[in-house]
Amino acid sequence: MSRLSPGDPLESYYGNAIERMSIEHKEKAMNRLGLNEPIYVQYGKWLKNSISGDFGISYKYKRDVKDVILDVYKNTAILGGLAYILTFILALFLGIYCSLHEDELIDRIITLIGNVTSCIPSFWISLMLILIFGVNLAILPTSGAYSIGMKDNFFDRVVHLILPLVVLILGHLWYYAYMVRNKILEEMREDYVLLAKVKGLNKIEIIYKHCLRNIAPSFITIMAISVPHILAGTYVVEKVFSYPGIGTLIFESAKYHDYNMLMILTIITGILVLISNMIAQVINIKLDPRMKYERGEIFEP
């Protein structure tokens, strides 16, 4: 599909020099990069080479694709990983808090604020934070993963992560917190909760001792299937904040027709989604062995 978009990959490789090249030189360049063959032939060769770990060169960076990815993947892992963990930790506690105060004023206020923030595009929030904290107050950096010459400075990296993390968390927090809130409230209306109340357990004890255990498989599943959701948000935020990561590479590879880079990054993203779903399935069976019985397997209590 990327081949159908307008543009010339030679321009990514040669830059402005492409304007001074003759038709003959362009043909030789296309032949050198393997771009003059039919698409199915090019893909067949790429697939054959990729099996042995050769994913080709990046037209934009003029380096091996693997080397370019290895330079930046840690940045995305740090940003996306922190956003993922913090989002679900905060969502769990926020969902529990709202369920404890169902239909009270504080619950309605949080619900209103959450609905508003979750509907605001992440790129707009990013621009507003850049304007406020980067331009007007000038207290936080607005681009990059670290300052020049400060690659190994832990504090400098943390400061650069603040704004991107805030945007990612705000964009996803209420979506999952609201799910947790509703799941807990559904459990609170079950018969076993009435029995627990008769035994003298208060609302907090019922939620922490019973409801959370029952919603755990659903929560784990939500965490697994949300990987592409949060990952996509990470990619957008990386581009807005000029954060050197996988997301920035994906946007650049699409923009500059860097086909080798775009294909391997798409495959990596797909693999992450598949792995996360398989891990979630294993964890769910450990948390709730009844799932084996539902799938037709023998369940031994």
C-alpha atoms as a PDB file:
ATOM      1  CA  MET A   1       0.000   0.000   0.000  1.00  0.00           C
ATOM      2  CA  SER A   2       2.893   2.354   0.695  1.00  0.00           C
ATOM      3  CA  ARG A   3       3.977   1.927  -2.932  1.00  0.00           C
ATOM      4  CA  LEU A   4       0.673   3.451  -4.063  1.00  0.00           C
ATOM      5  CA  SER A   5       1.369   6.751  -2.283  1.00  0.00           C
ATOM      6  CA  PRO A   6       2.970   9.525  -4.351  1.00  0.00           C
ATOM      7  CA  GLY A   7       6.676  10.108  -3.975  1.00  0.00           C
ATOM      8  CA  ASP A   8      10.060   8.795  -5.019  1.00  0.00           C
ATOM      9  CA  PRO A   9      12.253   6.632  -2.735  1.00  0.00           C
ATOM     10  CA  LEU A  10      15.294   7.850  -4.672  1.00  0.00           C
ATOM     11  CA  GLU A  11      14.657  11.307  -3.243  1.00  0.00           C
ATOM     12  CA  SER A  12      14.998   9.850   0.256  1.00  0.00           C
ATOM     13  CA  TYR A  13      18.322   8.264  -0.643  1.00  0.00           C
ATOM     14  CA  TYR A  14      19.884  11.041  -2.721  1.00  0.00           C
ATOM     15  CA  GLY A  15      18.071  14.100  -1.379  1.00  0.00           C
ATOM     16  CA  ASN A  16      18.114  17.219  -3.544  1.00  0.00           C
ATOM     17  CA  ALA A  17      20.785  15.652  -5.755  1.00  0.00           C
ATOM     18  CA  ILE A  18      18.016  13.694  -7.476  1.00  0.00           C
ATOM     19  CA  GLU A  19      16.998  16.892  -9.293  1.00  0.00           C
ATOM     20  CA  ARG A  20      20.375  17.017 -11.071  1.00  0.00           C
ATOM     21  CA  MET A  21      20.411  13.350 -12.069  1.00  0.00           C
ATOM     22  CA  SER A  22      19.745  12.317 -15.631  1.00  0.00           C
ATOM     23  CA  ILE A  23      17.211   9.643 -16.553  1.00  0.00           C
ATOM     24  CA  GLU A  24      20.066   7.217 -17.160  1.00  0.00           C
ATOM     25  CA  HIS A  25      21.551   7.851 -13.722  1.00  0.00           C
ATOM     26  CA  LYS A  26      18.127   7.416 -12.120  1.00  0.00           C
ATOM     27  CA  GLU A  27      17.706   4.066 -13.855  1.00  0.00           C
ATOM     28  CA  LYS A  28      21.100   2.919 -12.581  1.00  0.00           C
ATOM     29  CA  ALA A  29      20.229   4.113  -9.077  1.00  0.00           C
ATOM     30  CA  MET A  30      16.913   2.252  -9.178  1.00  0.00           C
ATOM     31  CA  ASN A  31      18.710  -0.879 -10.342  1.00  0.00           C
ATOM     32  CA  ARG A  32      21.350  -0.523  -7.596  1.00  0.00           C
ATOM     33  CA  LEU A  33      18.657  -0.287  -4.903  1.00  0.00           C
ATOM     34  CA  GLY A  34      16.570  -3.057  -6.444  1.00  0.00           C
ATOM     35  CA  LEU A  35      13.575  -0.799  -7.078  1.00  0.00           C
ATOM     36  CA  ASN A  36      13.213  -1.393 -10.813  1.00  0.00           C
ATOM     37  CA  GLU A  37      11.830  -4.932 -10.513  1.00  0.00           C
ATOM     38  CA  PRO A  38       8.122  -5.823 -10.084  1.00  0.00           C
ATOM     39  CA  ILE A  39       6.841  -5.344  -6.553  1.00  0.00           C
ATOM     40  CA  TYR A  40       6.187  -9.063  -5.988  1.00  0.00           C
ATOM     41  CA  VAL A  41       9.777  -9.853  -6.997  1.00  0.00           C
ATOM     42  CA  GLN A  42      11.144  -7.186  -4.643  1.00  0.00           C
ATOM     43  CA  TYR A  43       8.979  -8.490  -1.813  1.00  0.00           C
ATOM     44  CA  GLY A  44      10.033 -12.087  -2.494  1.00  0.00           C
ATOM     45  CA  LYS A  45      13.702 -11.124  -2.285  1.00  0.00           C
ATOM     46  CA  TRP A  46      13.122  -9.086   0.868  1.00  0.00           C
ATOM     47  CA  LEU A  47      11.246 -11.966   2.489  1.00  0.00           C
ATOM     48  CA  LYS A  48      13.982 -14.447   1.581  1.00  0.00           C
ATOM     49  CA  ASN A  49      16.714 -12.179   2.961  1.00  0.00           C
ATOM     50  CA  SER A  50      14.723 -11.333   6.098  1.00  0.00           C
ATOM     51  CA  ILE A  51      14.608 -15.006   7.089  1.00  0.00           C
ATOM     52  CA  SER A  52      18.383 -14.859   7.485  1.00  0.00           C
ATOM     53  CA  GLY A  53      18.178 -11.552   9.367  1.00  0.00           C
ATOM     54  CA  ASP A  54      18.986  -9.235   6.457  1.00  0.00           C
ATOM     55  CA  PHE A  55      16.250  -6.583   6.284  1.00  0.00           C
ATOM     56  CA  GLY A  56      18.043  -4.317   3.822  1.00  0.00           C
ATOM     57  CA  ILE A  57      19.228  -0.748   4.186  1.00  0.00           C
ATOM     58  CA  SER A  58      17.353   2.375   5.139  1.00  0.00           C
ATOM     59  CA  TYR A  59      17.040   4.725   2.167  1.00  0.00           C
ATOM     60  CA  LYS A  60      16.917   7.752   4.455  1.00  0.00           C
ATOM     61  CA  TYR A  61      19.758   6.889   6.840  1.00  0.00           C
ATOM     62  CA  LYS A  62      21.828   4.867   4.335  1.00  0.00           C
ATOM     63  CA  ARG A  63      22.531   2.313   7.046  1.00  0.00           C
ATOM     64  CA  ASP A  64      21.406  -1.191   7.845  1.00  0.00           C
ATOM     65  CA  VAL A  65      17.803  -1.130   9.058  1.00  0.00           C
ATOM     66  CA  LYS A  66      18.668  -3.162  12.155  1.00  0.00           C
ATOM     67  CA  ASP A  67      21.360  -0.699  13.213  1.00  0.00           C
ATOM     68  CA  VAL A  68      18.979   2.258  12.952  1.00  0.00           C
ATOM     69  CA  ILE A  69      16.311   0.464  15.011  1.00  0.00           C
ATOM     70  CA  LEU A  70      18.815  -0.629  17.658  1.00  0.00           C
ATOM     71  CA  ASP A  71      19.783   3.016  18.160  1.00  0.00           C
ATOM     72  CA  VAL A  72      16.282   4.102  19.166  1.00  0.00           C
ATOM     73  CA  TYR A  73      14.211   1.132  20.321  1.00  0.00           C
ATOM     74  CA  LYS A  74      15.222   1.636  23.971  1.00  0.00           C
ATOM     75  CA  ASN A  75      13.708   5.123  23.919  1.00  0.00           C
ATOM     76  CA  THR A  76      10.325   3.766  22.810  1.00  0.00           C
ATOM     77  CA  ALA A  77      10.564   0.870  25.284  1.00  0.00           C
ATOM     78  CA  ILE A  78      11.140   3.324  28.147  1.00  0.00           C
ATOM     79  CA  LEU A  79       8.411   5.773  27.131  1.00  0.00           C
ATOM     80  CA  GLY A  80       5.825   3.178  26.086  1.00  0.00           C
ATOM     81  CA  GLY A  81       6.620   0.848  28.992  1.00  0.00           C
ATOM     82  CA  LEU A  82       6.305   3.570  31.624  1.00  0.00           C
ATOM     83  CA  ALA A  83       3.106   4.896  30.045  1.00  0.00           C
ATOM     84  CA  TYR A  84       1.655   1.382  29.902  1.00  0.00           C
ATOM     85  CA  ILE A  85       2.465   0.540  33.537  1.00  0.00           C
ATOM     86  CA  LEU A  86       1.457   3.893  35.003  1.00  0.00           C
ATOM     87  CA  THR A  87      -1.766   4.028  32.984  1.00  0.00           C
ATOM     88  CA  PHE A  88      -3.030   0.706  34.292  1.00  0.00           C
ATOM     89  CA  ILE A  89      -1.861   1.234  37.874  1.00  0.00           C
ATOM     90  CA  LEU A  90      -3.587   4.616  38.013  1.00  0.00           C
ATOM     91  CA  ALA A  91      -6.631   3.275  36.139  1.00  0.00           C
ATOM     92  CA  LEU A  92      -7.024   0.456  38.662  1.00  0.00           C
ATOM     93  CA  PHE A  93      -6.889   2.729  41.691  1.00  0.00           C
ATOM     94  CA  LEU A  94      -9.028   5.427  40.056  1.00  0.00           C
ATOM     95  CA  GLY A  95     -11.627   2.838  39.044  1.00  0.00           C
ATOM     96  CA  ILE A  96     -11.704   1.417  42.576  1.00  0.00           C
ATOM     97  CA  TYR A  97     -12.009   4.897  44.084  1.00  0.00           C
ATOM     98  CA  CYS A  98     -14.919   5.827  41.799  1.00  0.00           C
ATOM     99  CA  SER A  99     -16.702   2.550  42.518  1.00  0.00           C
ATOM    100  CA  LEU A 100     -16.399   3.188  46.259  1.00  0.00           C
ATOM    101  CA  HIS A 101     -18.073   6.579  45.759  1.00  0.00           C
ATOM    102  CA  GLU A 102     -20.636   5.585  43.121  1.00  0.00           C
ATOM    103  CA  ASP A 103     -22.935   8.465  42.117  1.00  0.00           C
ATOM    104  CA  GLU A 104     -21.426  10.767  44.727  1.00  0.00           C
ATOM    105  CA  LEU A 105     -20.246  14.260  43.784  1.00  0.00           C
ATOM    106  CA  ILE A 106     -16.582  13.267  43.534  1.00  0.00           C
ATOM    107  CA  ASP A 107     -17.476  10.342  41.261  1.00  0.00           C
ATOM    108  CA  ARG A 108     -19.468  12.624  38.962  1.00  0.00           C
ATOM    109  CA  ILE A 109     -16.663  15.209  38.821  1.00  0.00           C
ATOM    110  CA  ILE A 110     -14.018  12.597  37.997  1.00  0.00           C
ATOM    111  CA  THR A 111     -16.309  11.054  35.384  1.00  0.00           C
ATOM    112  CA  LEU A 112     -16.907  14.422  33.744  1.00  0.00           C
ATOM    113  CA  ILE A 113     -13.207  15.350  33.706  1.00  0.00           C
ATOM    114  CA  GLY A 114     -12.279  11.884  32.459  1.00  0.00           C
ATOM    115  CA  ASN A 115     -14.785  11.999  29.612  1.00  0.00           C
ATOM    116  CA  VAL A 116     -13.511  15.397  28.519  1.00  0.00           C
ATOM    117  CA  THR A 117      -9.789  14.533  28.643  1.00  0.00           C
ATOM    118  CA  SER A 118     -10.272  11.200  26.869  1.00  0.00           C
ATOM    119  CA  CYS A 119     -11.983  12.955  23.942  1.00  0.00           C
ATOM    120  CA  ILE A 120      -9.227  15.544  23.395  1.00  0.00           C
ATOM    121  CA  PRO A 121      -6.758  14.466  20.654  1.00  0.00           C
ATOM    122  CA  SER A 122      -3.319  13.672  22.050  1.00  0.00           C
ATOM    123  CA  PHE A 123      -1.558  15.909  19.526  1.00  0.00           C
ATOM    124  CA  TRP A 124      -3.613  18.908  20.719  1.00  0.00           C
ATOM    125  CA  ILE A 125      -2.819  18.204  24.380  1.00  0.00           C
ATOM    126  CA  SER A 126       0.838  17.868  23.393  1.00  0.00           C
ATOM    127  CA  LEU A 127       0.859  21.252  21.678  1.00  0.00           C
ATOM    128  CA  MET A 128      -0.859  22.914  24.650  1.00  0.00           C
ATOM    129  CA  LEU A 129       1.652  21.444  27.114  1.00  0.00           C
ATOM    130  CA  ILE A 130       4.521  22.524  24.884  1.00  0.00           C
ATOM    131  CA  LEU A 131       3.082  26.056  24.729  1.00  0.00           C
ATOM    132  CA  ILE A 132       2.525  26.282  28.498  1.00  0.00           C
ATOM    133  CA  PHE A 133       5.505  24.457  30.013  1.00  0.00           C
ATOM    134  CA  GLY A 134       8.013  24.757  27.192  1.00  0.00           C
ATOM    135  CA  VAL A 135       7.382  28.209  25.720  1.00  0.00           C
ATOM    136  CA  ASN A 136       5.596  30.352  28.324  1.00  0.00           C
ATOM    137  CA  LEU A 137       7.047  28.915  31.554  1.00  0.00           C
ATOM    138  CA  ALA A 138      10.184  27.432  29.964  1.00  0.00           C
ATOM    139  CA  ILE A 139      10.563  24.857  32.739  1.00  0.00           C
ATOM    140  CA  LEU A 140      10.421  21.614  30.728  1.00  0.00           C
ATOM    141  CA  PRO A 141      12.073  20.483  27.482  1.00  0.00           C
ATOM    142  CA  THR A 142       9.755  20.049  24.518  1.00  0.00           C
ATOM    143  CA  SER A 143      11.695  17.714  22.259  1.00  0.00           C
ATOM    144  CA  GLY A 144      14.193  14.885  22.224  1.00  0.00           C
ATOM    145  CA  ALA A 145      14.978  12.103  24.697  1.00  0.00           C
ATOM    146  CA  TYR A 146      17.881  13.980  26.299  1.00  0.00           C
ATOM    147  CA  SER A 147      19.885  17.175  25.940  1.00  0.00           C
ATOM    148  CA  ILE A 148      22.996  17.352  23.769  1.00  0.00           C
ATOM    149  CA  GLY A 149      25.848  15.578  25.531  1.00  0.00           C
ATOM    150  CA  MET A 150      23.546  14.313  28.322  1.00  0.00           C
ATOM    151  CA  LYS A 151      22.727  10.847  26.977  1.00  0.00           C
ATOM    152  CA  ASP A 152      23.817   9.076  30.165  1.00  0.00           C
ATOM    153  CA  ASN A 153      22.307  11.639  32.541  1.00  0.00           C
ATOM    154  CA  PHE A 154      19.385   9.942  34.327  1.00  0.00           C
ATOM    155  CA  PHE A 155      17.791  13.158  35.606  1.00  0.00           C
ATOM    156  CA  ASP A 156      17.937  14.788  32.181  1.00  0.00           C
ATOM    157  CA  ARG A 157      16.188  11.799  30.602  1.00  0.00           C
ATOM    158  CA  VAL A 158      13.480  11.841  33.281  1.00  0.00           C
ATOM    159  CA  VAL A 159      12.805  15.539  32.659  1.00  0.00           C
ATOM    160  CA  HIS A 160      12.428  14.889  28.927  1.00  0.00           C
ATOM    161  CA  LEU A 161       9.929  12.097  29.650  1.00  0.00           C
ATOM    162  CA  ILE A 162       7.541  14.200  31.749  1.00  0.00           C
ATOM    163  CA  LEU A 163       5.474  15.879  29.028  1.00  0.00           C
ATOM    164  CA  PRO A 164       5.200  12.830  26.705  1.00  0.00           C
ATOM    165  CA  LEU A 165       4.207  10.645  29.671  1.00  0.00           C
ATOM    166  CA  VAL A 166       1.543  13.104  30.827  1.00  0.00           C
ATOM    167  CA  VAL A 167       0.016  13.170  27.347  1.00  0.00           C
ATOM    168  CA  LEU A 168      -0.005   9.379  27.016  1.00  0.00           C
ATOM    169  CA  ILE A 169      -1.509   8.831  30.466  1.00  0.00           C
ATOM    170  CA  LEU A 170      -4.181  11.510  30.043  1.00  0.00           C
ATOM    171  CA  GLY A 171      -5.161  10.084  26.683  1.00  0.00           C
ATOM    172  CA  HIS A 172      -5.768   6.543  27.980  1.00  0.00           C
ATOM    173  CA  LEU A 173      -6.312   6.736  31.746  1.00  0.00           C
ATOM    174  CA  TRP A 174     -10.057   7.297  31.971  1.00  0.00           C
ATOM    175  CA  TYR A 175     -10.840   4.809  29.203  1.00  0.00           C
ATOM    176  CA  TYR A 176      -9.479   1.960  31.330  1.00  0.00           C
ATOM    177  CA  ALA A 177     -10.429   3.442  34.708  1.00  0.00           C
ATOM    178  CA  TYR A 178     -14.051   3.609  33.555  1.00  0.00           C
ATOM    179  CA  MET A 179     -13.898  -0.050  32.542  1.00  0.00           C
ATOM    180  CA  VAL A 180     -12.564  -1.008  35.983  1.00  0.00           C
ATOM    181  CA  ARG A 181     -15.236   1.092  37.695  1.00  0.00           C
ATOM    182  CA  ASN A 182     -18.050  -0.546  35.734  1.00  0.00           C
ATOM    183  CA  LYS A 183     -16.650  -4.061  36.182  1.00  0.00           C
ATOM    184  CA  ILE A 184     -16.476  -3.599  39.956  1.00  0.00           C
ATOM    185  CA  LEU A 185     -19.991  -2.152  40.095  1.00  0.00           C
ATOM    186  CA  GLU A 186     -21.279  -5.155  38.134  1.00  0.00           C
ATOM    187  CA  GLU A 187     -19.657  -7.471  40.667  1.00  0.00           C
ATOM    188  CA  MET A 188     -21.116  -5.457  43.555  1.00  0.00           C
ATOM    189  CA  ARG A 189     -24.600  -6.394  42.318  1.00  0.00           C
ATOM    190  CA  GLU A 190     -23.923 -10.144  42.382  1.00  0.00           C
ATOM    191  CA  ASP A 191     -25.457 -12.474  44.970  1.00  0.00           C
ATOM    192  CA  TYR A 192     -22.156 -13.381  46.628  1.00  0.00           C
ATOM    193  CA  VAL A 193     -21.646  -9.694  47.528  1.00  0.00           C
ATOM    194  CA  LEU A 194     -24.985  -9.712  49.356  1.00  0.00           C
ATOM    195  CA  LEU A 195     -23.808 -12.783  51.271  1.00  0.00           C
ATOM    196  CA  ALA A 196     -20.540 -11.027  52.117  1.00  0.00           C
ATOM    197  CA  LYS A 197     -22.475  -8.043  53.442  1.00  0.00           C
ATOM    198  CA  VAL A 198     -24.562 -10.352  55.616  1.00  0.00           C
ATOM    199  CA  LYS A 199     -21.330 -11.756  57.038  1.00  0.00           C
ATOM    200  CA  GLY A 200     -20.394  -8.220  58.099  1.00  0.00           C
ATOM    201  CA  LEU A 201     -17.802  -7.273  55.478  1.00  0.00           C
ATOM    202  CA  ASN A 202     -17.730  -3.591  54.541  1.00  0.00           C
ATOM    203  CA  LYS A 203     -17.578  -2.215  50.989  1.00  0.00           C
ATOM    204  CA  ILE A 204     -13.795  -1.846  50.904  1.00  0.00           C
ATOM    205  CA  GLU A 205     -13.213  -5.406  52.123  1.00  0.00           C
ATOM    206  CA  ILE A 206     -15.675  -6.803  49.574  1.00  0.00           C
ATOM    207  CA  ILE A 207     -13.979  -5.002  46.698  1.00  0.00           C
ATOM    208  CA  TYR A 208     -10.410  -5.894  47.665  1.00  0.00           C
ATOM    209  CA  LYS A 209     -11.077  -9.473  48.824  1.00  0.00           C
ATOM    210  CA  HIS A 210     -13.679 -10.591  46.288  1.00  0.00           C
ATOM    211  CA  CYS A 211     -14.487  -8.228  43.410  1.00  0.00           C
ATOM    212  CA  LEU A 212     -10.901  -7.567  42.336  1.00  0.00           C
ATOM    213  CA  ARG A 213     -10.182 -11.276  42.166  1.00  0.00           C
ATOM    214  CA  ASN A 214     -13.163 -11.840  39.903  1.00  0.00           C
ATOM    215  CA  ILE A 215     -12.394  -8.967  37.541  1.00  0.00           C
ATOM    216  CA  ALA A 216      -8.657  -9.805  37.365  1.00  0.00           C
ATOM    217  CA  PRO A 217      -8.926 -12.012  34.214  1.00  0.00           C
ATOM    218  CA  SER A 218     -10.935  -9.316  32.424  1.00  0.00           C
ATOM    219  CA  PHE A 219      -8.464  -6.649  33.524  1.00  0.00           C
ATOM    220  CA  ILE A 220      -5.499  -8.707  32.289  1.00  0.00           C
ATOM    221  CA  THR A 221      -7.254  -9.243  28.954  1.00  0.00           C
ATOM    222  CA  ILE A 222      -7.931  -5.530  28.633  1.00  0.00           C
ATOM    223  CA  MET A 223      -4.254  -4.848  29.339  1.00  0.00           C
ATOM    224  CA  ALA A 224      -3.212  -7.278  26.612  1.00  0.00           C
ATOM    225  CA  ILE A 225      -5.516  -6.049  23.875  1.00  0.00           C
ATOM    226  CA  SER A 226      -4.642  -2.441  24.723  1.00  0.00           C
ATOM    227  CA  VAL A 227      -1.014  -2.862  23.641  1.00  0.00           C
ATOM    228  CA  PRO A 228      -1.671  -1.626  20.065  1.00  0.00           C
ATOM    229  CA  HIS A 229      -3.871   1.154  21.465  1.00  0.00           C
ATOM    230  CA  ILE A 230      -1.196   2.557  23.765  1.00  0.00           C
ATOM    231  CA  LEU A 231       1.560   1.771  21.282  1.00  0.00           C
ATOM    232  CA  ALA A 232      -0.176   3.829  18.592  1.00  0.00           C
ATOM    233  CA  GLY A 233      -0.518   6.702  21.055  1.00  0.00           C
ATOM    234  CA  THR A 234       3.183   6.433  21.839  1.00  0.00           C
ATOM    235  CA  TYR A 235       4.033   6.706  18.152  1.00  0.00           C
ATOM    236  CA  VAL A 236       1.952   9.885  17.735  1.00  0.00           C
ATOM    237  CA  VAL A 237       3.428  11.499  20.856  1.00  0.00           C
ATOM    238  CA  GLU A 238       6.962  10.658  19.729  1.00  0.00           C
ATOM    239  CA  LYS A 239       6.374  12.509  16.486  1.00  0.00           C
ATOM    240  CA  VAL A 240       4.920  15.619  18.160  1.00  0.00           C
ATOM    241  CA  PHE A 241       7.729  15.827  20.725  1.00  0.00           C
ATOM    242  CA  SER A 242      10.440  14.867  18.197  1.00  0.00           C
ATOM    243  CA  TYR A 243      11.248  11.968  20.497  1.00  0.00           C
ATOM    244  CA  PRO A 244      13.729   9.580  18.816  1.00  0.00           C
ATOM    245  CA  GLY A 245      11.941   6.249  18.874  1.00  0.00           C
ATOM    246  CA  ILE A 246      10.160   3.614  16.822  1.00  0.00           C
ATOM    247  CA  GLY A 247       7.165   5.894  16.279  1.00  0.00           C
ATOM    248  CA  THR A 248       9.311   8.610  14.753  1.00  0.00           C
ATOM    249  CA  LEU A 249      10.968   6.031  12.495  1.00  0.00           C
ATOM    250  CA  ILE A 250       7.568   4.770  11.313  1.00  0.00           C
ATOM    251  CA  PHE A 251       6.392   8.256  10.399  1.00  0.00           C
ATOM    252  CA  GLU A 252       9.665   9.038   8.642  1.00  0.00           C
ATOM    253  CA  SER A 253       9.733   5.732   6.759  1.00  0.00           C
ATOM    254  CA  ALA A 254       6.177   6.331   5.513  1.00  0.00           C
ATOM    255  CA  LYS A 255       6.942   9.935   4.594  1.00  0.00           C
ATOM    256  CA  TYR A 256      10.223   9.221   2.822  1.00  0.00           C
ATOM    257  CA  HIS A 257       9.162   5.895   1.243  1.00  0.00           C
ATOM    258  CA  ASP A 258      11.758   3.988   3.232  1.00  0.00           C
ATOM    259  CA  TYR A 259      10.128   0.653   2.416  1.00  0.00           C
ATOM    260  CA  ASN A 260      12.624  -1.653   4.132  1.00  0.00           C
ATOM    261  CA  MET A 261      12.309   0.265   7.376  1.00  0.00           C
ATOM    262  CA  LEU A 262       8.524   0.490   7.179  1.00  0.00           C
ATOM    263  CA  MET A 263       8.046  -3.244   6.620  1.00  0.00           C
ATOM    264  CA  ILE A 264      10.203  -4.431   9.502  1.00  0.00           C
ATOM    265  CA  LEU A 265       8.688  -1.893  11.917  1.00  0.00           C
ATOM    266  CA  THR A 266       5.192  -3.056  10.936  1.00  0.00           C
ATOM    267  CA  ILE A 267       6.197  -6.665  11.565  1.00  0.00           C
ATOM    268  CA  ILE A 268       7.729  -5.784  14.951  1.00  0.00           C
ATOM    269  CA  THR A 269       4.520  -4.027  15.990  1.00  0.00           C
ATOM    270  CA  GLY A 270       2.447  -7.040  14.958  1.00  0.00           C
ATOM    271  CA  ILE A 271       4.712  -9.438  16.854  1.00  0.00           C
ATOM    272  CA  LEU A 272       4.386  -7.351  20.018  1.00  0.00           C
ATOM    273  CA  VAL A 273       0.593  -7.524  19.783  1.00  0.00           C
ATOM    274  CA  LEU A 274       0.617 -11.315  19.272  1.00  0.00           C
ATOM    275  CA  ILE A 275       3.037 -11.921  22.138  1.00  0.00           C
ATOM    276  CA  SER A 276       1.065  -9.744  24.544  1.00  0.00           C
ATOM    277  CA  ASN A 277      -2.142 -11.635  23.737  1.00  0.00           C
ATOM    278  CA  MET A 278      -0.482 -15.015  24.279  1.00  0.00           C
ATOM    279  CA  ILE A 279       0.959 -13.879  27.604  1.00  0.00           C
ATOM    280  CA  ALA A 280      -2.467 -12.633  28.665  1.00  0.00           C
ATOM    281  CA  GLN A 281      -4.027 -15.998  27.812  1.00  0.00           C
ATOM    282  CA  VAL A 282      -1.487 -17.868  29.960  1.00  0.00           C
ATOM    283  CA  ILE A 283      -1.931 -15.471  32.886  1.00  0.00           C
ATOM    284  CA  ASN A 284      -5.723 -15.662  32.638  1.00  0.00           C
ATOM    285  CA  ILE A 285      -5.653 -19.462  32.895  1.00  0.00           C
ATOM    286  CA  LYS A 286      -3.404 -19.211  35.951  1.00  0.00           C
ATOM    287  CA  LEU A 287      -5.711 -16.676  37.582  1.00  0.00           C
ATOM    288  CA  ASP A 288      -8.936 -18.453  36.636  1.00  0.00           C
ATOM    289  CA  PRO A 289      -8.480 -22.222  35.948  1.00  0.00           C
ATOM    290  CA  ARG A 290     -12.177 -22.403  34.983  1.00  0.00           C
ATOM    291  CA  MET A 291     -11.142 -21.112  31.551  1.00  0.00           C
ATOM    292  CA  LYS A 292      -9.666 -24.555  30.813  1.00  0.00           C
ATOM    293  CA  TYR A 293     -13.027 -26.117  31.539  1.00  0.00           C
ATOM    294  CA  GLU A 294     -14.790 -23.622  29.297  1.00  0.00           C
ATOM    295  CA  ARG A 295     -12.433 -24.580  26.454  1.00  0.00           C
ATOM    296  CA  GLY A 296     -13.324 -28.264  26.870  1.00  0.00           C
ATOM    297  CA  GLU A 297     -10.317 -29.245  28.983  1.00  0.00           C
ATOM    298  CA  ILE A 298     -10.602 -31.183  32.227  1.00  0.00           C
ATOM    299  CA  PHE A 299     -10.770 -28.886  35.240  1.00  0.00           C
ATOM    300  CA  GLU A 300      -9.387 -30.212  38.495  1.00  0.00           C
ATOM    301  CA  PRO A 301     -10.183 -27.917  41.436  1.00  0.00           C
END
